[in-house]
Structure formats: C-alpha cells, structure tokens
PDB file of N, CA and C in Angstrom:
ATOM      1  N   MET A   1       9.343   6.281   8.600  1.00  0.00           N
ATOM      2  CA  MET A   1      10.603   5.936   8.842  1.00  0.00           C
ATOM      3  C   MET A   1      11.643   6.467   9.764  1.00  0.00           C
ATOM      4  N   SER A   2      12.591   5.800  10.394  1.00  0.00           N
ATOM      5  CA  SER A   2      13.399   6.176  11.337  1.00  0.00           C
ATOM      6  C   SER A   2      14.566   7.245  10.441  1.00  0.00           C
ATOM      7  N   ALA A   3      15.293   7.859  11.158  1.00  0.00           N
ATOM      8  CA  ALA A   3      16.139   8.560  10.296  1.00  0.00           C
ATOM      9  C   ALA A   3      17.306   7.873  10.028  1.00  0.00           C
ATOM     10  N   LYS A   4      17.559   6.378  10.709  1.00  0.00           N
ATOM     11  CA  LYS A   4      18.568   5.629  10.489  1.00  0.00           C
ATOM     12  C   LYS A   4      18.265   4.687   9.261  1.00  0.00           C
ATOM     13  N   PHE A   5      17.179   4.188   9.104  1.00  0.00           N
ATOM     14  CA  PHE A   5      16.472   3.781   8.095  1.00  0.00           C
ATOM     15  C   PHE A   5      16.454   4.590   6.658  1.00  0.00           C
ATOM     16  N   ASP A   6      16.304   5.945   6.740  1.00  0.00           N
ATOM     17  CA  ASP A   6      16.249   6.534   5.824  1.00  0.00           C
ATOM     18  C   ASP A   6      17.978   6.899   5.176  1.00  0.00           C
ATOM     19  N   ASP A   7      18.503   6.942   6.246  1.00  0.00           N
ATOM     20  CA  ASP A   7      20.202   6.954   5.819  1.00  0.00           C
ATOM     21  C   ASP A   7      20.268   5.602   4.853  1.00  0.00           C
ATOM     22  N   PHE A   8      20.089   4.764   5.786  1.00  0.00           N
ATOM     23  CA  PHE A   8      20.262   3.227   5.021  1.00  0.00           C
ATOM     24  C   PHE A   8      19.871   2.884   3.624  1.00  0.00           C
ATOM     25  N   LEU A   9      18.641   3.453   3.814  1.00  0.00           N
ATOM     26  CA  LEU A   9      18.074   3.705   2.284  1.00  0.00           C
ATOM     27  C   LEU A   9      18.767   4.374   1.488  1.00  0.00           C
ATOM     28  N   GLN A  10      18.888   5.564   1.752  1.00  0.00           N
ATOM     29  CA  GLN A  10      19.820   6.370   0.749  1.00  0.00           C
ATOM     30  C   GLN A  10      21.045   5.974   0.002  1.00  0.00           C
ATOM     31  N   GLU A  11      21.583   5.260   1.144  1.00  0.00           N
ATOM     32  CA  GLU A  11      23.228   4.596   0.836  1.00  0.00           C
ATOM     33  C   GLU A  11      22.992   3.416   0.142  1.00  0.00           C
ATOM     34  N   GLN A  12      21.713   2.668   0.063  1.00  0.00           N
ATOM     35  CA  GLN A  12      21.452   1.349  -0.772  1.00  0.00           C
ATOM     36  C   GLN A  12      21.041   1.913  -2.313  1.00  0.00           C
ATOM     37  N   LEU A  13      20.192   3.303  -2.313  1.00  0.00           N
ATOM     38  CA  LEU A  13      20.049   3.410  -3.682  1.00  0.00           C
ATOM     39  C   LEU A  13      21.112   3.926  -4.412  1.00  0.00           C
ATOM     40  N   GLN A  14      22.186   4.141  -3.719  1.00  0.00           N
ATOM     41  CA  GLN A  14      23.397   4.735  -4.546  1.00  0.00           C
ATOM     42  C   GLN A  14      23.902   3.402  -5.532  1.00  0.00           C
ATOM     43  N   ASP A  15      23.383   2.254  -5.906  1.00  0.00           N
ATOM     44  CA  ASP A  15      23.768   0.734  -5.944  1.00  0.00           C
ATOM     45  C   ASP A  15      22.408   0.934  -7.104  1.00  0.00           C
ATOM     46  N   PRO A  16      23.010   0.831  -8.329  1.00  0.00           N
ATOM     47  CA  PRO A  16      21.879   0.812  -9.598  1.00  0.00           C
ATOM     48  C   PRO A  16      20.954  -0.197  -9.741  1.00  0.00           C
ATOM     49  N   GLU A  17      21.524  -1.735  -9.512  1.00  0.00           N
ATOM     50  CA  GLU A  17      20.360  -2.623  -9.201  1.00  0.00           C
ATOM     51  C   GLU A  17      19.620  -2.451  -8.206  1.00  0.00           C
ATOM     52  N   PHE A  18      20.052  -2.276  -6.990  1.00  0.00           N
ATOM     53  CA  PHE A  18      18.779  -2.186  -5.832  1.00  0.00           C
ATOM     54  C   PHE A  18      17.863  -0.811  -6.181  1.00  0.00           C
ATOM     55  N   ARG A  19      18.429   0.255  -6.918  1.00  0.00           N
ATOM     56  CA  ARG A  19      17.483   1.460  -7.266  1.00  0.00           C
ATOM     57  C   ARG A  19      16.414   0.857  -8.214  1.00  0.00           C
ATOM     58  N   LYS A  20      16.756   0.085  -8.947  1.00  0.00           N
ATOM     59  CA  LYS A  20      16.097  -0.296 -10.011  1.00  0.00           C
ATOM     60  C   LYS A  20      14.773  -1.414  -9.391  1.00  0.00           C
ATOM     61  N   GLU A  21      15.318  -2.050  -8.965  1.00  0.00           N
ATOM     62  CA  GLU A  21      14.360  -3.105  -8.064  1.00  0.00           C
ATOM     63  C   GLU A  21      13.429  -2.423  -7.111  1.00  0.00           C
ATOM     64  N   TYR A  22      14.133  -1.659  -6.113  1.00  0.00           N
ATOM     65  CA  TYR A  22      13.232  -0.839  -5.502  1.00  0.00           C
ATOM     66  C   TYR A  22      12.341  -0.072  -6.269  1.00  0.00           C
ATOM     67  N   GLU A  23      12.562   0.841  -7.227  1.00  0.00           N
ATOM     68  CA  GLU A  23      11.703   1.645  -7.999  1.00  0.00           C
ATOM     69  C   GLU A  23      10.753   0.745  -8.397  1.00  0.00           C
ATOM     70  N   ALA A  24      10.934  -0.632  -9.025  1.00  0.00           N
ATOM     71  CA  ALA A  24       9.894  -1.621  -9.527  1.00  0.00           C
ATOM     72  C   ALA A  24       8.978  -1.758  -8.545  1.00  0.00           C
ATOM     73  N   LEU A  25       9.176  -1.786  -7.124  1.00  0.00           N
ATOM     74  CA  LEU A  25       8.246  -2.219  -5.822  1.00  0.00           C
ATOM     75  C   LEU A  25       7.168  -1.192  -5.741  1.00  0.00           C
ATOM     76  N   GLN A  26       7.441   0.367  -6.158  1.00  0.00           N
ATOM     77  CA  GLN A  26       7.168   1.343  -5.630  1.00  0.00           C
ATOM     78  C   GLN A  26       5.439   1.500  -6.060  1.00  0.00           C
ATOM     79  N   PRO A  27       4.834   1.079  -7.054  1.00  0.00           N
ATOM     80  CA  PRO A  27       3.568   0.776  -7.562  1.00  0.00           C
ATOM     81  C   PRO A  27       2.924  -0.006  -6.194  1.00  0.00           C
ATOM     82  N   GLU A  28       3.505  -0.870  -5.739  1.00  0.00           N
ATOM     83  CA  GLU A  28       2.987  -2.304  -4.382  1.00  0.00           C
ATOM     84  C   GLU A  28       3.211  -1.188  -3.134  1.00  0.00           C
ATOM     85  N   ARG A  29       4.021  -0.413  -2.882  1.00  0.00           N
ATOM     86  CA  ARG A  29       4.654   0.243  -1.748  1.00  0.00           C
ATOM     87  C   ARG A  29       3.116   1.074  -2.049  1.00  0.00           C
ATOM     88  N   ALA A  30       3.181   2.035  -3.055  1.00  0.00           N
ATOM     89  CA  ALA A  30       1.921   3.086  -3.306  1.00  0.00           C
ATOM     90  C   ALA A  30       0.628   2.646  -2.440  1.00  0.00           C
ATOM     91  N   VAL A  31       0.315   1.070  -3.250  1.00  0.00           N
ATOM     92  CA  VAL A  31      -1.302   0.589  -2.833  1.00  0.00           C
ATOM     93  C   VAL A  31      -1.023   0.056  -1.269  1.00  0.00           C
ATOM     94  N   ILE A  32       0.044  -0.369  -0.762  1.00  0.00           N
ATOM     95  CA  ILE A  32      -0.082  -0.655   0.661  1.00  0.00           C
ATOM     96  C   ILE A  32      -0.480   0.978   1.329  1.00  0.00           C
ATOM     97  N   GLN A  33       0.409   1.647   1.198  1.00  0.00           N
ATOM     98  CA  GLN A  33       0.229   2.965   1.839  1.00  0.00           C
ATOM     99  C   GLN A  33      -1.130   3.724   1.767  1.00  0.00           C
ATOM    100  N   ALA A  34      -1.840   3.479   0.447  1.00  0.00           N
ATOM    101  CA  ALA A  34      -3.161   3.894   0.360  1.00  0.00           C
ATOM    102  C   ALA A  34      -3.791   3.444   1.317  1.00  0.00           C
ATOM    103  N   MET A  35      -4.155   1.676   1.415  1.00  0.00           N
ATOM    104  CA  MET A  35      -4.659   1.252   2.234  1.00  0.00           C
ATOM    105  C   MET A  35      -4.742   1.640   3.508  1.00  0.00           C
ATOM    106  N   ILE A  36      -3.487   1.617   4.316  1.00  0.00           N
ATOM    107  CA  ILE A  36      -3.154   1.958   5.266  1.00  0.00           C
ATOM    108  C   ILE A  36      -4.150   3.496   5.916  1.00  0.00           C
ATOM    109  N   ASP A  37      -3.490   3.999   5.116  1.00  0.00           N
ATOM    110  CA  ASP A  37      -3.892   5.976   5.017  1.00  0.00           C
ATOM    111  C   ASP A  37      -5.900   5.913   5.055  1.00  0.00           C
ATOM    112  N   ALA A  38      -6.115   4.916   4.427  1.00  0.00           N
ATOM    113  CA  ALA A  38      -7.448   4.878   4.185  1.00  0.00           C
ATOM    114  C   ALA A  38      -8.114   4.463   5.485  1.00  0.00           C
ATOM    115  N   ARG A  39      -7.473   3.281   5.994  1.00  0.00           N
ATOM    116  CA  ARG A  39      -8.423   3.155   7.119  1.00  0.00           C
ATOM    117  C   ARG A  39      -8.304   3.736   8.153  1.00  0.00           C
ATOM    118  N   ARG A  40      -7.029   4.412   8.364  1.00  0.00           N
ATOM    119  CA  ARG A  40      -6.710   5.389   9.252  1.00  0.00           C
ATOM    120  C   ARG A  40      -7.591   6.421   9.478  1.00  0.00           C
ATOM    121  N   THR A  41      -7.926   6.719   8.025  1.00  0.00           N
ATOM    122  CA  THR A  41      -8.746   8.367   8.366  1.00  0.00           C
ATOM    123  C   THR A  41     -10.059   8.024   8.394  1.00  0.00           C
ATOM    124  N   SER A  42     -10.656   6.294   8.354  1.00  0.00           N
ATOM    125  CA  SER A  42     -11.696   6.184   8.846  1.00  0.00           C
ATOM    126  C   SER A  42     -11.873   5.595   9.929  1.00  0.00           C
ATOM    127  N   GLY A  43     -11.092   5.995  10.678  1.00  0.00           N
ATOM    128  CA  GLY A  43     -10.707   5.717  11.992  1.00  0.00           C
ATOM    129  C   GLY A  43     -11.235   4.525  12.655  1.00  0.00           C
ATOM    130  N   LEU A  44     -10.683   3.245  11.502  1.00  0.00           N
ATOM    131  CA  LEU A  44     -11.175   2.025  11.787  1.00  0.00           C
ATOM    132  C   LEU A  44      -9.611   1.267  12.119  1.00  0.00           C
ATOM    133  N   THR A  45      -9.720   0.075  12.811  1.00  0.00           N
ATOM    134  CA  THR A  45      -8.412  -0.606  13.147  1.00  0.00           C
ATOM    135  C   THR A  45      -8.889  -1.984  12.121  1.00  0.00           C
ATOM    136  N   GLN A  46      -7.719  -2.244  11.988  1.00  0.00           N
ATOM    137  CA  GLN A  46      -8.050  -4.260  11.029  1.00  0.00           C
ATOM    138  C   GLN A  46      -9.119  -4.956  11.588  1.00  0.00           C
ATOM    139  N   LYS A  47      -9.566  -4.829  13.107  1.00  0.00           N
ATOM    140  CA  LYS A  47     -10.499  -5.708  13.577  1.00  0.00           C
ATOM    141  C   LYS A  47     -11.811  -5.121  12.527  1.00  0.00           C
ATOM    142  N   ASP A  48     -12.129  -3.505  13.152  1.00  0.00           N
ATOM    143  CA  ASP A  48     -13.389  -3.125  12.751  1.00  0.00           C
ATOM    144  C   ASP A  48     -13.088  -3.388  11.275  1.00  0.00           C
ATOM    145  N   LEU A  49     -12.277  -3.133  10.318  1.00  0.00           N
ATOM    146  CA  LEU A  49     -12.550  -3.340   8.604  1.00  0.00           C
ATOM    147  C   LEU A  49     -12.808  -4.807   8.513  1.00  0.00           C
ATOM    148  N   SER A  50     -12.257  -5.901   9.122  1.00  0.00           N
ATOM    149  CA  SER A  50     -12.368  -7.193   8.885  1.00  0.00           C
ATOM    150  C   SER A  50     -13.898  -7.250   9.023  1.00  0.00           C
ATOM    151  N   GLU A  51     -14.526  -6.723  10.421  1.00  0.00           N
ATOM    152  CA  GLU A  51     -15.888  -6.906  10.661  1.00  0.00           C
ATOM    153  C   GLU A  51     -16.796  -6.373   9.591  1.00  0.00           C
ATOM    154  N   ARG A  52     -16.204  -5.304   9.130  1.00  0.00           N
ATOM    155  CA  ARG A  52     -17.537  -4.647   8.124  1.00  0.00           C
ATOM    156  C   ARG A  52     -17.262  -5.485   6.837  1.00  0.00           C
ATOM    157  N   THR A  53     -16.086  -5.843   6.362  1.00  0.00           N
ATOM    158  CA  THR A  53     -15.819  -6.614   5.435  1.00  0.00           C
ATOM    159  C   THR A  53     -16.169  -8.068   5.136  1.00  0.00           C
ATOM    160  N   GLY A  54     -15.760  -8.598   6.201  1.00  0.00           N
ATOM    161  CA  GLY A  54     -15.799 -10.126   6.049  1.00  0.00           C
ATOM    162  C   GLY A  54     -14.653 -11.158   5.836  1.00  0.00           C
ATOM    163  N   ILE A  55     -13.728  -9.594   5.896  1.00  0.00           N
ATOM    164  CA  ILE A  55     -12.216 -10.378   5.542  1.00  0.00           C
ATOM    165  C   ILE A  55     -11.266 -10.450   6.649  1.00  0.00           C
ATOM    166  N   ALA A  56     -11.140 -11.690   7.087  1.00  0.00           N
ATOM    167  CA  ALA A  56     -10.089 -12.071   8.198  1.00  0.00           C
ATOM    168  C   ALA A  56      -9.315 -10.754   8.537  1.00  0.00           C
ATOM    169  N   GLN A  57      -9.279 -10.373   9.796  1.00  0.00           N
ATOM    170  CA  GLN A  57      -8.364  -9.604  10.268  1.00  0.00           C
ATOM    171  C   GLN A  57      -6.612  -9.572   9.934  1.00  0.00           C
ATOM    172  N   GLY A  58      -6.166 -10.826  10.014  1.00  0.00           N
ATOM    173  CA  GLY A  58      -5.251 -11.600   9.870  1.00  0.00           C
ATOM    174  C   GLY A  58      -4.663 -11.206   8.093  1.00  0.00           C
ATOM    175  N   ASP A  59      -5.791 -11.795   7.494  1.00  0.00           N
ATOM    176  CA  ASP A  59      -5.700 -11.025   5.821  1.00  0.00           C
ATOM    177  C   ASP A  59      -5.127  -9.787   5.701  1.00  0.00           C
ATOM    178  N   ILE A  60      -5.927  -8.408   6.245  1.00  0.00           N
ATOM    179  CA  ILE A  60      -5.771  -7.513   6.027  1.00  0.00           C
ATOM    180  C   ILE A  60      -4.097  -7.097   6.372  1.00  0.00           C
ATOM    181  N   SER A  61      -4.221  -7.701   7.966  1.00  0.00           N
ATOM    182  CA  SER A  61      -2.641  -7.495   8.330  1.00  0.00           C
ATOM    183  C   SER A  61      -1.527  -7.953   7.331  1.00  0.00           C
ATOM    184  N   LYS A  62      -1.751  -8.766   6.869  1.00  0.00           N
ATOM    185  CA  LYS A  62      -0.789  -9.222   5.210  1.00  0.00           C
ATOM    186  C   LYS A  62      -0.869  -8.746   4.050  1.00  0.00           C
ATOM    187  N   LEU A  63      -1.912  -8.270   3.852  1.00  0.00           N
ATOM    188  CA  LEU A  63      -2.283  -7.200   3.152  1.00  0.00           C
ATOM    189  C   LEU A  63      -1.429  -5.785   3.452  1.00  0.00           C
ATOM    190  N   GLU A  64      -1.457  -5.088   4.467  1.00  0.00           N
ATOM    191  CA  GLU A  64      -0.703  -4.076   4.797  1.00  0.00           C
ATOM    192  C   GLU A  64       0.492  -3.972   5.233  1.00  0.00           C
ATOM    193  N   ASN A  65       1.129  -5.164   5.384  1.00  0.00           N
ATOM    194  CA  ASN A  65       2.368  -5.662   5.782  1.00  0.00           C
ATOM    195  C   ASN A  65       2.938  -6.046   4.108  1.00  0.00           C
ATOM    196  N   GLY A  66       2.464  -6.051   2.967  1.00  0.00           N
ATOM    197  CA  GLY A  66       3.005  -6.396   1.665  1.00  0.00           C
ATOM    198  C   GLY A  66       3.315  -7.800   1.794  1.00  0.00           C
ATOM    199  N   ASN A  67       2.501  -8.707   2.752  1.00  0.00           N
ATOM    200  CA  ASN A  67       2.930 -10.166   2.619  1.00  0.00           C
ATOM    201  C   ASN A  67       1.709 -10.935   1.601  1.00  0.00           C
ATOM    202  N   ALA A  68       0.963 -10.326   0.964  1.00  0.00           N
ATOM    203  CA  ALA A  68      -0.077 -10.590   0.147  1.00  0.00           C
ATOM    204  C   ALA A  68      -0.274  -9.591  -0.857  1.00  0.00           C
ATOM    205  N   ASN A  69      -0.880 -10.255  -2.179  1.00  0.00           N
ATOM    206  CA  ASN A  69      -1.257  -9.483  -3.278  1.00  0.00           C
ATOM    207  C   ASN A  69      -2.819  -9.260  -3.570  1.00  0.00           C
ATOM    208  N   PRO A  70      -3.087  -8.314  -2.973  1.00  0.00           N
ATOM    209  CA  PRO A  70      -4.928  -8.076  -3.060  1.00  0.00           C
ATOM    210  C   PRO A  70      -5.127  -8.129  -4.513  1.00  0.00           C
ATOM    211  N   SER A  71      -6.383  -8.884  -4.740  1.00  0.00           N
ATOM    212  CA  SER A  71      -7.163  -8.671  -6.244  1.00  0.00           C
ATOM    213  C   SER A  71      -8.135  -6.999  -6.041  1.00  0.00           C
ATOM    214  N   ILE A  72      -8.331  -6.783  -7.482  1.00  0.00           N
ATOM    215  CA  ILE A  72      -9.122  -5.591  -7.368  1.00  0.00           C
ATOM    216  C   ILE A  72     -10.528  -5.938  -6.658  1.00  0.00           C
ATOM    217  N   ARG A  73     -10.892  -6.977  -6.643  1.00  0.00           N
ATOM    218  CA  ARG A  73     -12.310  -7.462  -5.745  1.00  0.00           C
ATOM    219  C   ARG A  73     -11.986  -6.899  -4.288  1.00  0.00           C
ATOM    220  N   THR A  74     -10.842  -7.586  -4.229  1.00  0.00           N
ATOM    221  CA  THR A  74     -10.764  -7.113  -2.513  1.00  0.00           C
ATOM    222  C   THR A  74     -10.395  -5.872  -2.016  1.00  0.00           C
ATOM    223  N   LEU A  75      -9.410  -5.085  -3.153  1.00  0.00           N
ATOM    224  CA  LEU A  75      -9.587  -3.946  -2.617  1.00  0.00           C
ATOM    225  C   LEU A  75     -10.671  -2.967  -2.913  1.00  0.00           C
ATOM    226  N   GLN A  76     -11.676  -3.265  -3.682  1.00  0.00           N
ATOM    227  CA  GLN A  76     -13.067  -3.057  -3.647  1.00  0.00           C
ATOM    228  C   GLN A  76     -13.665  -3.236  -2.415  1.00  0.00           C
ATOM    229  N   ARG A  77     -13.781  -4.179  -1.862  1.00  0.00           N
ATOM    230  CA  ARG A  77     -14.638  -4.358  -0.698  1.00  0.00           C
ATOM    231  C   ARG A  77     -13.662  -3.946   0.412  1.00  0.00           C
ATOM    232  N   LEU A  78     -12.403  -3.845   0.801  1.00  0.00           N
ATOM    233  CA  LEU A  78     -11.977  -2.939   1.567  1.00  0.00           C
ATOM    234  C   LEU A  78     -12.485  -1.336   1.582  1.00  0.00           C
ATOM    235  N   ALA A  79     -12.421  -0.856   0.068  1.00  0.00           N
ATOM    236  CA  ALA A  79     -12.633   0.415   0.238  1.00  0.00           C
ATOM    237  C   ALA A  79     -14.364   0.650   0.901  1.00  0.00           C
ATOM    238  N   SER A  80     -15.100  -0.576  -0.114  1.00  0.00           N
ATOM    239  CA  SER A  80     -16.576  -0.179   0.606  1.00  0.00           C
ATOM    240  C   SER A  80     -16.762  -0.538   1.970  1.00  0.00           C
ATOM    241  N   GLY A  81     -16.066  -1.368   2.686  1.00  0.00           N
ATOM    242  CA  GLY A  81     -15.885  -1.358   4.215  1.00  0.00           C
ATOM    243  C   GLY A  81     -15.237  -0.022   4.846  1.00  0.00           C
ATOM    244  N   MET A  82     -14.883   0.852   4.305  1.00  0.00           N
ATOM    245  CA  MET A  82     -14.229   2.253   4.831  1.00  0.00           C
ATOM    246  C   MET A  82     -15.098   3.466   4.115  1.00  0.00           C
ATOM    247  N   GLY A  83     -16.182   3.064   3.685  1.00  0.00           N
ATOM    248  CA  GLY A  83     -17.206   4.114   2.872  1.00  0.00           C
ATOM    249  C   GLY A  83     -16.498   4.868   1.777  1.00  0.00           C
ATOM    250  N   MET A  84     -15.548   4.173   1.143  1.00  0.00           N
ATOM    251  CA  MET A  84     -14.977   4.882   0.178  1.00  0.00           C
ATOM    252  C   MET A  84     -15.066   3.978  -1.356  1.00  0.00           C
ATOM    253  N   THR A  85     -15.000   4.587  -2.281  1.00  0.00           N
ATOM    254  CA  THR A  85     -14.721   3.888  -3.545  1.00  0.00           C
ATOM    255  C   THR A  85     -13.145   3.773  -4.242  1.00  0.00           C
ATOM    256  N   LEU A  86     -12.945   2.532  -4.782  1.00  0.00           N
ATOM    257  CA  LEU A  86     -11.881   2.352  -5.463  1.00  0.00           C
ATOM    258  C   LEU A  86     -11.454   3.164  -6.407  1.00  0.00           C
ATOM    259  N   LYS A  87     -10.432   4.148  -6.988  1.00  0.00           N
ATOM    260  CA  LYS A  87     -10.048   4.217  -7.941  1.00  0.00           C
ATOM    261  C   LYS A  87      -8.621   4.055  -8.603  1.00  0.00           C
ATOM    262  N   VAL A  88      -8.656   3.488  -9.801  1.00  0.00           N
ATOM    263  CA  VAL A  88      -7.160   2.865 -10.289  1.00  0.00           C
ATOM    264  C   VAL A  88      -7.147   4.086 -11.459  1.00  0.00           C
ATOM    265  N   GLU A  89      -5.786   4.340 -11.506  1.00  0.00           N
ATOM    266  CA  GLU A  89      -5.242   5.409 -12.793  1.00  0.00           C
ATOM    267  C   GLU A  89      -4.381   4.839 -13.511  1.00  0.00           C
ATOM    268  N   PHE A  90      -4.407   4.716 -14.470  1.00  0.00           N
ATOM    269  CA  PHE A  90      -3.222   4.852 -15.750  1.00  0.00           C
ATOM    270  C   PHE A  90      -2.723   6.082 -15.900  1.00  0.00           C
ATOM    271  N   ILE A  91      -1.548   6.758 -15.487  1.00  0.00           N
ATOM    272  CA  ILE A  91      -1.097   7.975 -15.990  1.00  0.00           C
ATOM    273  C   ILE A  91       0.189   8.071 -16.495  1.00  0.00           C
ATOM    274  N   PRO A  92       0.974   8.813 -17.735  1.00  0.00           N
ATOM    275  CA  PRO A  92       1.837   8.918 -18.465  1.00  0.00           C
ATOM    276  C   PRO A  92       3.026   8.523 -17.480  1.00  0.00           C
ATOM    277  N   ALA A  93       3.923   7.960 -17.910  1.00  0.00           N
ATOM    278  CA  ALA A  93       5.116   7.882 -17.106  1.00  0.00           C
ATOM    279  C   ALA A  93       5.872   9.026 -16.851  1.00  0.00           C
ATOM    280  N   SER A  94       5.449   9.916 -18.036  1.00  0.00           N
ATOM    281  CA  SER A  94       6.460  10.968 -18.032  1.00  0.00           C
ATOM    282  C   SER A  94       5.847  12.219 -16.927  1.00  0.00           C
ATOM    283  N   ALA A  95       4.872  12.000 -16.429  1.00  0.00           N
ATOM    284  CA  ALA A  95       4.065  12.678 -14.919  1.00  0.00           C
ATOM    285  C   ALA A  95       4.832  12.386 -13.853  1.00  0.00           C
ATOM    286  N   VAL A  96       5.339  10.907 -13.868  1.00  0.00           N
ATOM    287  CA  VAL A  96       6.182  10.742 -12.573  1.00  0.00           C
ATOM    288  C   VAL A  96       7.455  11.010 -12.651  1.00  0.00           C
ATOM    289  N   THR A  97       7.495  11.001 -13.717  1.00  0.00           N
ATOM    290  CA  THR A  97       9.377  11.020 -14.126  1.00  0.00           C
ATOM    291  C   THR A  97       9.606  12.528 -14.247  1.00  0.00           C
ATOM    292  N   GLY A  98       8.624  13.273 -14.552  1.00  0.00           N
ATOM    293  CA  GLY A  98       9.457  14.769 -15.324  1.00  0.00           C
ATOM    294  C   GLY A  98       8.291  15.429 -14.532  1.00  0.00           C
TER     295      GLY A  98
END
C-alpha cells in the first residue's frame, strides 16, 4: 500500500461505522492475501496456477482481487496446485483482539 493510501485509510478508520465494516472484511482480506502470498512463494504466475489446477486464470484473478468468493473446494484445488495443503482455523477472538 502506498503512504497516501495508508494515511487515507487511517483517517477513514476514525469513523466508527467505517471501522466496523472494515474490520468485518478482515477475514476475507486475509484469505486473499494468503492466496497471493502462497502463489508468489511458489514462484507461480496466475497462468501457471491456472494450468496446474484447471481453474481459469480470469477466475484466479477475480479471487485475488476480491471479486469472487471461493469455496473450500476451490481453495483446496489452489493449494494443491501450489504443492500446499489448505489449513483453516478457528481461534478465540481474544487471541486476535488481546
């Protein structure tokens, strides 16, 4: 993120309603970032991952841009295509906030 965006985001987060919505989207942003990081760590382009998984490159792009909601099955296919295993966790909220 650019410094200008970070400054803008910090300003917007002062609004309690905005902050609530922003925080509600955190899990979705975390999944998206994890997908991107895993793909890059694997040294794969979206096209490479598409070829390995049979998932259209355009669909991978939509997932990485937050324009689609992947199923667990899709996430498993992506993980497998990167030579990885999908892990989903439930952790106490206090571990996140405290």
